[in-house]
Amino acid sequence: QVQLVESGGGLVQPGGSLRLSCAASGSIIRINAMGWYRQAPGKPRELVAAIASGDNSHYADSVKGRFTISRDNAKNTVYLQMNSLKPEDTAVYYCNKAYEGSYFRWGQGTQVTVSS
């Protein structure tokens, strides 16, 4: 079973940037699509970015143009570059498979707080 460890979160002012990393304990090269999800207090978990084979990426409208997802299969790592952060981006961010209907065990996530 692949284990996922997210890191890179923190407290940042509006307009700032963060780069999140998701390290998988096993190979993700055969996983068609990996995604970043977030969950704000009192809200359901939502998929904000996904990257498929061939590096085709997709974004939720709320983050399009500000977030960039990438993956390094050799390092079994998925990244999320977040720019122009807004207070509404505050959430716990997780990575996992996308579009498959099944998931690895969820990691602990990484907290992102956007506040002045």
Protein backbone atom coordinates (compact mmCIF):
# COMPACT_ATOMS: atom_id res chain seq x y z
CA GLN A 1 0.00 0.00 0.00
CA VAL A 2 1.43 3.36 -1.03
CA GLN A 3 1.79 5.91 1.74
CA LEU A 4 1.52 9.60 0.98
CA VAL A 5 3.27 12.36 2.91
CA GLU A 6 2.35 15.95 2.17
CA SER A 7 4.55 18.88 3.18
CA GLY A 8 5.24 22.52 2.43
CA GLY A 9 2.24 24.20 3.95
CA GLY A 10 2.33 27.15 6.30
CA LEU A 11 1.10 30.63 7.05
CA VAL A 12 1.37 33.09 4.19
CA GLN A 13 0.00 36.56 3.50
CA PRO A 14 -2.52 37.15 0.72
CA GLY A 15 -0.71 37.34 -2.59
CA GLY A 16 2.06 35.07 -1.38
CA SER A 17 3.26 31.73 -2.68
CA LEU A 18 3.83 28.23 -1.38
CA ARG A 19 5.06 25.03 -2.95
CA LEU A 20 3.56 21.82 -1.67
CA SER A 21 5.16 18.40 -2.07
CA CYS A 22 3.65 14.94 -1.88
CA ALA A 23 6.08 12.07 -1.48
CA ALA A 24 4.78 8.57 -2.18
CA SER A 25 6.39 5.56 -0.56
CA GLY A 26 5.91 3.50 -3.69
CA SER A 27 5.97 3.99 -7.41
CA ILE A 28 3.33 6.26 -8.89
CA ILE A 29 4.54 5.95 -12.44
CA ARG A 30 1.67 3.64 -13.36
CA ILE A 31 -0.93 5.84 -11.72
CA ASN A 32 -2.70 7.55 -14.56
CA ALA A 33 -3.63 10.69 -12.70
CA MET A 34 -2.58 12.20 -9.40
CA GLY A 35 -4.31 15.11 -7.81
CA TRP A 36 -4.21 17.68 -5.06
CA TYR A 37 -7.29 18.04 -2.91
CA ARG A 38 -8.17 20.48 -0.18
CA GLN A 39 -10.62 20.56 2.66
CA ALA A 40 -11.61 23.72 4.48
CA PRO A 41 -13.40 23.59 7.85
CA GLY A 42 -17.02 22.59 7.44
CA LYS A 43 -16.63 21.92 3.72
CA PRO A 44 -16.23 18.70 1.73
CA ARG A 45 -12.89 17.70 0.28
CA GLU A 46 -12.49 19.02 -3.26
CA LEU A 47 -10.12 18.27 -6.10
CA VAL A 48 -8.25 21.44 -7.06
CA ALA A 49 -5.66 20.14 -9.51
CA ALA A 50 -4.84 16.92 -11.30
CA ILE A 51 -2.08 15.75 -13.60
CA ALA A 52 -2.49 12.81 -15.92
CA SER A 53 -0.12 10.80 -18.07
CA GLY A 54 1.53 12.96 -20.67
CA ASP A 55 1.51 15.76 -18.10
CA ASN A 56 -1.99 16.86 -19.03
CA SER A 57 -3.18 18.98 -16.14
CA HIS A 58 -6.60 20.15 -15.05
CA TYR A 59 -7.60 22.77 -12.49
CA ALA A 60 -10.65 23.83 -10.59
CA ASP A 61 -11.89 27.20 -11.77
CA SER A 62 -11.11 28.70 -8.37
CA VAL A 63 -7.37 28.08 -8.76
CA LYS A 64 -6.89 28.21 -12.52
CA GLY A 65 -4.06 30.53 -13.49
CA ARG A 66 -2.68 30.61 -9.94
CA PHE A 67 -1.80 26.98 -9.15
CA THR A 68 0.45 24.64 -11.12
CA ILE A 69 0.64 20.89 -10.56
CA SER A 70 3.61 18.81 -11.61
CA ARG A 71 4.94 15.32 -10.99
CA ASP A 72 8.35 13.68 -10.90
CA ASN A 73 7.82 9.96 -11.42
CA ALA A 74 11.48 9.22 -10.79
CA LYS A 75 11.14 10.71 -7.30
CA ASN A 76 7.55 9.47 -6.77
CA THR A 77 6.62 13.03 -5.90
CA VAL A 78 3.82 15.38 -6.90
CA TYR A 79 4.08 19.14 -6.45
CA LEU A 80 1.65 22.02 -6.25
CA GLN A 81 2.98 25.52 -6.84
CA MET A 82 0.51 28.01 -5.44
CA ASN A 83 0.82 31.69 -6.33
CA SER A 84 -1.34 34.72 -5.65
CA LEU A 85 -2.83 32.99 -2.64
CA LYS A 86 -6.15 34.18 -1.28
CA PRO A 87 -7.74 33.75 2.15
CA GLU A 88 -10.25 31.36 0.58
CA ASP A 89 -7.38 29.01 -0.28
CA THR A 90 -7.00 28.29 3.43
CA ALA A 91 -7.48 24.55 3.92
CA VAL A 92 -5.71 21.28 4.58
CA TYR A 93 -4.20 20.06 1.33
CA TYR A 94 -3.88 16.38 0.43
CA CYS A 95 -2.66 14.45 -2.57
CA ASN A 96 -4.03 11.18 -3.90
CA LYS A 97 -5.12 9.43 -7.07
CA ALA A 98 -7.56 11.30 -9.26
CA TYR A 99 -10.36 10.16 -11.58
CA GLU A 100 -10.07 6.48 -10.62
CA GLY A 101 -12.80 6.13 -8.04
CA SER A 102 -10.37 4.56 -5.61
CA TYR A 103 -7.73 6.08 -3.42
CA PHE A 104 -4.60 5.30 -1.53
CA ARG A 105 -4.90 5.73 2.22
CA TRP A 106 -5.10 9.47 2.83
CA GLY A 107 -2.06 11.13 4.32
CA GLN A 108 -2.14 13.64 7.14
CA GLY A 109 -2.27 16.56 4.76
CA THR A 110 -0.51 19.90 5.07
CA GLN A 111 -2.18 23.02 6.45
CA VAL A 112 -2.21 26.15 4.30
CA THR A 113 -3.34 29.34 6.00
CA VAL A 114 -3.61 32.56 4.03
CA SER A 115 -4.03 35.52 6.33
CA SER A 116 -2.65 38.97 6.96
